[in-house]
């Protein structure tokens, strides 16, 4: 998204600068010959096309945000399989506990850095009703090649990206890691984009652990 915006703005700037260089010596800012007309028209087309693409990008992003999983709304249920045993599980099965739902990937270095922090958090607050859930949308065979990276304490699962509700899919399009804090009633309370430390997640989950 950011790269697309930068490129569109750069092309618009190129079009404007080109028009300025071509017309700056004319008495009026109007093309004086055929070559200037061609360059001017091409520059205008470049500016208009870039502006149109930019508008589409913002419109798409607005739709994406509107379809994303929303705070203070119930988390949509989805099914996944445990990495360790391939048993089926559902997010809704953990209703009544505070869930830290984390989406990660083996190709994501911040995710790998974050995993020990999540394991530590699960050990520290398991008895208080916290479930740290680490989910990857990579195939099991890919995960098995990086077994040493697996979370050791969390509920570790995998699924196909298409199996996720649309709201979660929209957020994951921005990258990994992404985490949600879901309260005991199944309502999304916090969204964390990017890696977090033990202390950071601890501050987010403790208020919800204290609410029964």
Protein backbone atom coordinates (compact mmCIF):
# COMPACT_ATOMS: atom_id res chain seq x y z
CA UNK A 1 0.00 0.00 0.00
CA UNK A 2 2.72 2.50 0.99
CA UNK A 3 4.89 1.59 -2.02
CA UNK A 4 1.89 2.03 -4.31
CA UNK A 5 1.20 5.50 -2.93
CA UNK A 6 4.85 6.53 -3.26
CA UNK A 7 5.02 5.32 -6.87
CA UNK A 8 1.80 7.11 -7.82
CA UNK A 9 3.00 10.35 -6.25
CA UNK A 10 6.37 9.97 -8.00
CA UNK A 11 4.70 9.49 -11.42
CA UNK A 12 2.48 12.51 -10.82
CA UNK A 13 5.56 14.55 -9.92
CA UNK A 14 7.32 13.36 -13.10
CA UNK A 15 4.34 14.44 -15.19
CA UNK A 16 4.18 17.89 -13.60
CA UNK A 17 7.93 18.47 -13.88
CA UNK A 18 7.92 17.36 -17.53
CA UNK A 19 5.10 19.79 -18.37
CA UNK A 20 6.93 22.59 -16.59
CA UNK A 21 10.19 21.95 -18.45
CA UNK A 22 8.43 21.80 -21.83
CA UNK A 23 6.26 24.89 -21.37
CA UNK A 24 8.40 27.15 -19.18
CA UNK A 25 9.85 29.16 -22.10
CA UNK A 26 6.50 29.74 -23.78
CA UNK A 27 4.88 33.11 -23.31
CA UNK A 28 1.72 31.32 -22.13
CA UNK A 29 1.51 27.86 -20.54
CA UNK A 30 0.17 26.42 -23.77
CA UNK A 31 2.01 24.04 -26.14
CA UNK A 32 3.48 25.90 -29.10
CA UNK A 33 4.11 23.03 -31.53
CA UNK A 34 3.32 19.39 -32.19
CA UNK A 35 6.11 17.99 -30.03
CA UNK A 36 5.04 20.07 -27.05
CA UNK A 37 1.42 18.99 -27.54
CA UNK A 38 2.42 15.31 -27.55
CA UNK A 39 4.60 15.66 -24.44
CA UNK A 40 1.95 17.69 -22.65
CA UNK A 41 -0.83 15.22 -23.42
CA UNK A 42 1.32 12.28 -22.31
CA UNK A 43 2.18 14.10 -19.07
CA UNK A 44 -1.48 14.86 -18.39
CA UNK A 45 -2.40 11.23 -19.03
CA UNK A 46 0.36 10.07 -16.65
CA UNK A 47 -0.87 12.44 -13.94
CA UNK A 48 -4.51 11.40 -14.39
CA UNK A 49 -3.70 7.68 -14.46
CA UNK A 50 -1.57 7.98 -11.32
CA UNK A 51 -4.31 9.91 -9.56
CA UNK A 52 -6.90 7.31 -10.56
CA UNK A 53 -4.77 4.43 -9.28
CA UNK A 54 -4.14 6.35 -6.04
CA UNK A 55 -7.88 6.86 -5.55
CA UNK A 56 -8.52 3.15 -6.16
CA UNK A 57 -5.84 2.23 -3.63
CA UNK A 58 -7.43 4.36 -0.93
CA UNK A 59 -10.90 3.04 -1.78
CA UNK A 60 -9.65 -0.56 -1.55
CA UNK A 61 -7.97 0.15 1.76
CA UNK A 62 -11.17 1.68 3.11
CA UNK A 63 -13.13 -1.44 2.15
CA UNK A 64 -10.43 -3.61 3.69
CA UNK A 65 -10.54 -1.73 6.99
CA UNK A 66 -14.34 -1.89 7.07
CA UNK A 67 -14.24 -5.68 6.64
CA UNK A 68 -11.51 -6.21 9.24
CA UNK A 69 -12.13 -7.85 12.59
CA UNK A 70 -13.39 -5.01 14.78
CA UNK A 71 -12.63 -4.15 18.38
CA UNK A 72 -15.41 -4.64 20.92
CA UNK A 73 -17.15 -7.08 18.58
CA UNK A 74 -17.36 -10.89 18.97
CA UNK A 75 -14.51 -12.78 17.31
CA UNK A 76 -15.74 -14.94 14.45
CA UNK A 77 -15.18 -18.63 15.06
CA UNK A 78 -12.85 -20.69 12.88
CA UNK A 79 -11.41 -24.20 12.90
CA UNK A 80 -7.75 -25.18 12.99
CA UNK A 81 -5.58 -28.20 13.69
CA UNK A 82 -3.01 -28.63 16.42
CA UNK A 83 0.54 -28.78 15.06
CA UNK A 84 1.55 -31.47 17.55
CA UNK A 85 -1.29 -33.94 17.00
CA UNK A 86 -3.39 -32.67 14.04
CA UNK A 87 -6.47 -32.73 16.29
CA UNK A 88 -9.27 -30.36 15.31
CA UNK A 89 -9.96 -27.31 17.45
CA UNK A 90 -12.21 -24.26 17.23
CA UNK A 91 -11.61 -20.78 18.57
CA UNK A 92 -15.05 -20.90 20.22
CA UNK A 93 -13.92 -23.84 22.38
CA UNK A 94 -11.84 -21.43 24.44
CA UNK A 95 -14.76 -19.22 25.42
CA UNK A 96 -14.58 -18.48 29.14
CA UNK A 97 -10.83 -17.89 29.03
CA UNK A 98 -8.85 -14.87 27.93
CA UNK A 99 -7.27 -15.64 24.56
CA UNK A 100 -4.21 -14.04 23.07
CA UNK A 101 -4.64 -15.05 19.43
CA UNK A 102 -1.35 -14.67 17.56
CA UNK A 103 -0.82 -15.21 13.83
CA UNK A 104 2.78 -15.99 12.90
CA UNK A 105 4.90 -17.53 10.14
CA UNK A 106 8.27 -19.25 9.90
CA UNK A 107 9.41 -16.69 7.30
CA UNK A 108 8.68 -13.79 9.67
CA UNK A 109 11.72 -12.87 11.77
CA UNK A 110 9.79 -10.62 14.22
CA UNK A 111 7.45 -13.60 14.78
CA UNK A 112 10.39 -15.84 15.66
CA UNK A 113 11.72 -13.22 18.07
CA UNK A 114 8.29 -12.93 19.69
CA UNK A 115 7.63 -16.65 20.25
CA UNK A 116 9.73 -17.04 23.44
CA UNK A 117 7.90 -14.02 24.88
CA UNK A 118 4.55 -15.68 24.16
CA UNK A 119 5.70 -18.97 25.68
CA UNK A 120 6.79 -17.12 28.80
CA UNK A 121 3.46 -15.32 29.00
CA UNK A 122 1.55 -18.61 28.75
CA UNK A 123 3.61 -20.15 31.56
CA UNK A 124 3.10 -17.12 33.78
CA UNK A 125 -0.68 -16.76 33.37
CA UNK A 126 -1.99 -20.20 32.40
CA UNK A 127 -3.42 -20.78 35.89
CA UNK A 128 -5.25 -17.46 35.75
CA UNK A 129 -7.20 -18.41 32.64
CA UNK A 130 -4.98 -17.20 29.80
CA UNK A 131 -4.70 -19.16 26.58
CA UNK A 132 -2.00 -18.04 24.17
CA UNK A 133 -2.89 -19.37 20.74
CA UNK A 134 -0.28 -19.27 17.96
CA UNK A 135 -1.68 -19.95 14.49
CA UNK A 136 0.13 -20.27 11.16
CA UNK A 137 -1.44 -20.52 7.71
CA UNK A 138 1.54 -22.48 6.39
CA UNK A 139 1.26 -26.18 5.42
CA UNK A 140 2.21 -28.69 8.12
CA UNK A 141 5.16 -29.96 6.07
CA UNK A 142 6.61 -26.44 6.02
CA UNK A 143 6.16 -26.09 9.77
CA UNK A 144 7.79 -29.48 10.34
CA UNK A 145 10.94 -28.26 8.60
CA UNK A 146 11.25 -25.58 11.29
CA UNK A 147 10.24 -27.64 14.32
CA UNK A 148 12.86 -25.92 16.47
CA UNK A 149 10.97 -22.63 15.98
CA UNK A 150 7.61 -23.93 17.22
CA UNK A 151 6.09 -22.37 20.33
CA UNK A 152 6.55 -24.79 23.22
CA UNK A 153 3.87 -23.66 25.69
CA UNK A 154 1.08 -22.19 23.59
CA UNK A 155 -1.85 -23.79 21.80
CA UNK A 156 -0.05 -24.04 18.46
CA UNK A 157 -2.18 -24.61 15.37
CA UNK A 158 -2.26 -24.35 11.60
CA UNK A 159 -4.91 -23.86 8.91
CA UNK A 160 -5.40 -22.69 5.35
CA UNK A 161 -5.65 -18.93 4.91
CA UNK A 162 -9.00 -19.31 3.14
CA UNK A 163 -10.44 -21.03 6.22
CA UNK A 164 -10.19 -17.82 8.23
CA UNK A 165 -13.15 -15.44 8.50
CA UNK A 166 -12.87 -12.44 6.19
CA UNK A 167 -12.15 -10.04 9.04
CA UNK A 168 -9.01 -11.91 10.09
CA UNK A 169 -7.94 -12.35 6.45
CA UNK A 170 -8.09 -8.58 5.90
CA UNK A 171 -5.73 -7.88 8.80
CA UNK A 172 -3.30 -10.64 7.83
CA UNK A 173 -2.88 -9.12 4.37
CA UNK A 174 -0.75 -6.46 6.07
CA UNK A 175 1.79 -9.04 7.27
CA UNK A 176 2.81 -10.88 10.45
CA UNK A 177 2.81 -11.02 13.41
CA UNK A 178 -0.68 -9.88 14.33
CA UNK A 179 -2.25 -10.54 17.72
CA UNK A 180 -5.72 -10.16 19.21
CA UNK A 181 -6.73 -10.04 22.85
CA UNK A 182 -10.12 -11.75 23.21
CA UNK A 183 -11.96 -11.55 26.53
CA UNK A 184 -13.74 -14.37 28.34
CA UNK A 185 -16.96 -13.57 26.49
CA UNK A 186 -15.30 -13.98 23.08
CA UNK A 187 -15.11 -10.26 22.32
CA UNK A 188 -12.03 -8.75 20.63
CA UNK A 189 -10.59 -6.13 22.97
CA UNK A 190 -7.12 -5.34 21.59
CA UNK A 191 -5.34 -5.57 18.24
CA UNK A 192 -1.54 -5.63 18.09
CA UNK A 193 0.20 -5.27 14.72
CA UNK A 194 3.86 -6.23 15.00
CA UNK A 195 5.88 -8.04 17.61
CA UNK A 196 5.44 -7.43 21.32
CA UNK A 197 7.41 -8.21 24.46
CA UNK A 198 6.32 -10.19 27.51
CA UNK A 199 5.79 -6.98 29.45
CA UNK A 200 3.76 -5.39 26.67
CA UNK A 201 1.38 -8.32 26.31
CA UNK A 202 1.20 -8.67 30.07
CA UNK A 203 -0.19 -5.13 30.34
CA UNK A 204 -2.81 -5.94 27.71
CA UNK A 205 -4.08 -9.24 29.12
CA UNK A 206 -4.04 -8.57 32.88
CA UNK A 207 -7.11 -6.24 32.94
CA UNK A 208 -9.16 -8.93 31.20
CA UNK A 209 -7.84 -11.73 33.39
CA UNK A 210 -9.03 -9.79 36.42
CA UNK A 211 -12.58 -9.65 35.03
CA UNK A 212 -14.55 -12.81 35.69
